[in-house]
C-alpha atoms as a PDB file:
ATOM      1  CA  UNK A   1      28.854  64.289  30.419  1.00  0.00           C
ATOM      2  CA  UNK A   2      28.500  64.364  26.662  1.00  0.00           C
ATOM      3  CA  UNK A   3      31.455  62.041  26.349  1.00  0.00           C
ATOM      4  CA  UNK A   4      29.963  59.755  28.927  1.00  0.00           C
ATOM      5  CA  UNK A   5      26.698  59.693  27.009  1.00  0.00           C
ATOM      6  CA  UNK A   6      28.637  59.118  23.837  1.00  0.00           C
ATOM      7  CA  UNK A   7      30.494  56.219  25.452  1.00  0.00           C
ATOM      8  CA  UNK A   8      27.192  54.779  26.643  1.00  0.00           C
ATOM      9  CA  UNK A   9      25.772  55.090  23.138  1.00  0.00           C
ATOM     10  CA  UNK A  10      28.868  53.466  21.631  1.00  0.00           C
ATOM     11  CA  UNK A  11      28.556  50.603  24.119  1.00  0.00           C
ATOM     12  CA  UNK A  12      24.870  50.216  23.306  1.00  0.00           C
ATOM     13  CA  UNK A  13      25.664  50.297  19.581  1.00  0.00           C
ATOM     14  CA  UNK A  14      28.387  47.680  20.100  1.00  0.00           C
ATOM     15  CA  UNK A  15      25.937  45.588  22.112  1.00  0.00           C
ATOM     16  CA  UNK A  16      23.315  45.965  19.391  1.00  0.00           C
ATOM     17  CA  UNK A  17      25.850  45.059  16.688  1.00  0.00           C
ATOM     18  CA  UNK A  18      26.892  41.979  18.682  1.00  0.00           C
ATOM     19  CA  UNK A  19      23.249  40.984  19.185  1.00  0.00           C
ATOM     20  CA  UNK A  20      22.568  41.612  15.501  1.00  0.00           C
ATOM     21  CA  UNK A  21      25.512  39.396  14.599  1.00  0.00           C
ATOM     22  CA  UNK A  22      24.268  36.732  17.014  1.00  0.00           C
ATOM     23  CA  UNK A  23      20.729  36.967  15.589  1.00  0.00           C
ATOM     24  CA  UNK A  24      22.081  36.758  12.041  1.00  0.00           C
ATOM     25  CA  UNK A  25      24.013  33.616  12.943  1.00  0.00           C
ATOM     26  CA  UNK A  26      20.915  32.175  14.567  1.00  0.00           C
ATOM     27  CA  UNK A  27      18.877  33.179  11.519  1.00  0.00           C
ATOM     28  CA  UNK A  28      21.382  31.473   9.207  1.00  0.00           C
ATOM     29  CA  UNK A  29      21.311  28.316  11.369  1.00  0.00           C
ATOM     30  CA  UNK A  30      17.524  28.324  11.334  1.00  0.00           C
ATOM     31  CA  UNK A  31      17.469  28.880   7.557  1.00  0.00           C
ATOM     32  CA  UNK A  32      19.831  25.923   7.116  1.00  0.00           C
ATOM     33  CA  UNK A  33      17.612  23.799   9.360  1.00  0.00           C
ATOM     34  CA  UNK A  34      14.517  24.901   7.404  1.00  0.00           C
ATOM     35  CA  UNK A  35      16.237  23.950   4.138  1.00  0.00           C
ATOM     36  CA  UNK A  36      17.248  20.587   5.601  1.00  0.00           C
ATOM     37  CA  UNK A  37      13.739  19.923   6.950  1.00  0.00           C
ATOM     38  CA  UNK A  38      12.246  20.982   3.627  1.00  0.00           C
ATOM     39  CA  UNK A  39      14.512  18.507   1.828  1.00  0.00           C
ATOM     40  CA  UNK A  40      13.545  15.785   4.305  1.00  0.00           C
ATOM     41  CA  UNK A  41       9.867  16.629   3.819  1.00  0.00           C
ATOM     42  CA  UNK A  42      10.267  16.378   0.039  1.00  0.00           C
ATOM     43  CA  UNK A  43      12.056  13.020   0.385  1.00  0.00           C
ATOM     44  CA  UNK A  44       9.372  11.721   2.749  1.00  0.00           C
ATOM     45  CA  UNK A  45       6.663  12.940   0.368  1.00  0.00           C
ATOM     46  CA  UNK A  46       8.377  11.185  -2.544  1.00  0.00           C
ATOM     47  CA  UNK A  47       8.681   7.942  -0.543  1.00  0.00           C
ATOM     48  CA  UNK A  48       5.060   8.264   0.547  1.00  0.00           C
ATOM     49  CA  UNK A  49       3.947   8.473  -3.084  1.00  0.00           C
ATOM     50  CA  UNK A  50       6.021   5.340  -3.822  1.00  0.00           C
ATOM     51  CA  UNK A  51       4.521   3.554  -0.818  1.00  0.00           C
ATOM     52  CA  UNK A  52       1.010   4.481  -1.923  1.00  0.00           C
ATOM     53  CA  UNK A  53       1.750   3.035  -5.364  1.00  0.00           C
ATOM     54  CA  UNK A  54       3.163  -0.111  -3.764  1.00  0.00           C
ATOM     55  CA  UNK A  55       0.108  -0.322  -1.537  1.00  0.00           C
ATOM     56  CA  UNK A  56      -2.213   0.006  -4.542  1.00  0.00           C
ATOM     57  CA  UNK A  57      -0.260  -2.686  -6.405  1.00  0.00           C
ATOM     58  CA  UNK A  58      -0.347  -4.985  -3.384  1.00  0.00           C
ATOM     59  CA  UNK A  59      -4.069  -4.354  -2.917  1.00  0.00           C
ATOM     60  CA  UNK A  60      -4.654  -5.266  -6.572  1.00  0.00           C
ATOM     61  CA  UNK A  61      -2.642  -8.473  -6.116  1.00  0.00           C
ATOM     62  CA  UNK A  62      -4.503  -9.244  -2.890  1.00  0.00           C
ATOM     63  CA  UNK A  63      -7.860  -8.748  -4.613  1.00  0.00           C
ATOM     64  CA  UNK A  64      -6.768 -11.052  -7.455  1.00  0.00           C
ATOM     65  CA  UNK A  65      -5.526 -13.653  -4.949  1.00  0.00           C
ATOM     66  CA  UNK A  66      -8.772 -13.466  -2.979  1.00  0.00           C
ATOM     67  CA  UNK A  67     -10.766 -13.886  -6.206  1.00  0.00           C
ATOM     68  CA  UNK A  68      -8.635 -16.876  -7.207  1.00  0.00           C
ATOM     69  CA  UNK A  69      -8.998 -18.378  -3.713  1.00  0.00           C
ATOM     70  CA  UNK A  70     -12.772 -17.940  -3.789  1.00  0.00           C
ATOM     71  CA  UNK A  71     -13.005 -19.561  -7.234  1.00  0.00           C
ATOM     72  CA  UNK A  72     -10.755 -22.399  -6.096  1.00  0.00           C
ATOM     73  CA  UNK A  73     -12.842 -22.945  -2.953  1.00  0.00           C
ATOM     74  CA  UNK A  74     -16.009 -23.028  -5.057  1.00  0.00           C
ATOM     75  CA  UNK A  75     -14.407 -25.589  -7.395  1.00  0.00           C
ATOM     76  CA  UNK A  76     -13.196 -27.607  -4.415  1.00  0.00           C
ATOM     77  CA  UNK A  77     -16.670 -27.569  -2.873  1.00  0.00           C
ATOM     78  CA  UNK A  78     -18.215 -28.668  -6.180  1.00  0.00           C
ATOM     79  CA  UNK A  79     -15.598 -31.421  -6.531  1.00  0.00           C
ATOM     80  CA  UNK A  80     -16.230 -32.635  -2.970  1.00  0.00           C
ATOM     81  CA  UNK A  81     -19.976 -32.678  -3.638  1.00  0.00           C
ATOM     82  CA  UNK A  82     -19.384 -34.646  -6.851  1.00  0.00           C
ATOM     83  CA  UNK A  83     -17.127 -37.099  -4.989  1.00  0.00           C
ATOM     84  CA  UNK A  84     -19.768 -37.546  -2.294  1.00  0.00           C
ATOM     85  CA  UNK A  85     -22.444 -38.122  -4.931  1.00  0.00           C
ATOM     86  CA  UNK A  86     -20.281 -40.678  -6.753  1.00  0.00           C
ATOM     87  CA  UNK A  87     -19.470 -42.461  -3.483  1.00  0.00           C
ATOM     88  CA  UNK A  88     -23.182 -42.723  -2.717  1.00  0.00           C
ATOM     89  CA  UNK A  89     -23.913 -44.028  -6.216  1.00  0.00           C
ATOM     90  CA  UNK A  90     -21.068 -46.557  -5.906  1.00  0.00           C
ATOM     91  CA  UNK A  91     -22.430 -47.793  -2.567  1.00  0.00           C
ATOM     92  CA  UNK A  92     -25.883 -48.144  -4.132  1.00  0.00           C
ATOM     93  CA  UNK A  93     -24.479 -50.088  -7.077  1.00  0.00           C
ATOM     94  CA  UNK A  94     -22.405 -52.309  -4.796  1.00  0.00           C
ATOM     95  CA  UNK A  95     -25.371 -52.984  -2.527  1.00  0.00           C
ATOM     96  CA  UNK A  96     -27.647 -53.858  -5.475  1.00  0.00           C
ATOM     97  CA  UNK A  97     -25.142 -55.954  -7.422  1.00  0.00           C
ATOM     98  CA  UNK A  98     -25.016 -58.936  -5.032  1.00  0.00           C
ATOM     99  CA  UNK A  99     -28.813 -59.000  -4.772  1.00  0.00           C
ATOM    100  CA  UNK A 100     -29.238 -58.965  -8.529  1.00  0.00           C
ATOM    101  CA  UNK A 101     -26.584 -61.658  -8.953  1.00  0.00           C
ATOM    102  CA  UNK A 102     -28.179 -63.730  -6.208  1.00  0.00           C
ATOM    103  CA  UNK A 103     -31.584 -63.359  -7.823  1.00  0.00           C
ATOM    104  CA  UNK A 104     -30.137 -64.486 -11.171  1.00  0.00           C
ATOM    105  CA  UNK A 105     -28.424 -67.495  -9.558  1.00  0.00           C
ATOM    106  CA  UNK A 106     -31.623 -68.457  -7.711  1.00  0.00           C
ATOM    107  CA  UNK A 107     -33.630 -68.194 -10.913  1.00  0.00           C
ATOM    108  CA  UNK A 108     -31.090 -70.377 -12.690  1.00  0.00           C
ATOM    109  CA  UNK A 109     -31.205 -72.836  -9.797  1.00  0.00           C
ATOM    110  CA  UNK A 110     -34.992 -73.024 -10.031  1.00  0.00           C
ATOM    111  CA  UNK A 111     -34.704 -73.720 -13.739  1.00  0.00           C
ATOM    112  CA  UNK A 112     -32.186 -76.464 -13.022  1.00  0.00           C
ATOM    113  CA  UNK A 113     -34.477 -77.955 -10.341  1.00  0.00           C
ATOM    114  CA  UNK A 114     -37.399 -77.881 -12.707  1.00  0.00           C
ATOM    115  CA  UNK A 115     -35.272 -79.517 -15.366  1.00  0.00           C
ATOM    116  CA  UNK A 116     -34.033 -82.060 -12.804  1.00  0.00           C
ATOM    117  CA  UNK A 117     -37.579 -82.781 -11.653  1.00  0.00           C
ATOM    118  CA  UNK A 118     -38.622 -83.187 -15.302  1.00  0.00           C
ATOM    119  CA  UNK A 119     -35.736 -85.579 -15.874  1.00  0.00           C
ATOM    120  CA  UNK A 120     -36.640 -87.579 -12.768  1.00  0.00           C
ATOM    121  CA  UNK A 121     -40.260 -87.728 -13.827  1.00  0.00           C
ATOM    122  CA  UNK A 122     -39.386 -88.850 -17.332  1.00  0.00           C
ATOM    123  CA  UNK A 123     -37.136 -91.553 -16.002  1.00  0.00           C
END
């Protein structure tokens, strides 16, 4: 019976050794996976920092572009207002010019009539 118990204990020890070996292999696999995941995490963290820097740079460029666009739009609006004002002034000048010329011609014609009438009277 002692030998039987000894055999049972040897079998249990062998089973435990096999399980220990299996657990060690699993532990080594898991450690390798942890190392790999840790490396991946570090790489992702490094890329994230780079992306944040890129994002900040792009945001700065976007802000500068938006500022430039706003200034350009303000200049364009001012230029369009100036063009509209000049067009209105040009229309006013064009509409007054013929009347002023006509008035000058009529005045000259009246002078010529008066001179003609004077000549006819003197004749």
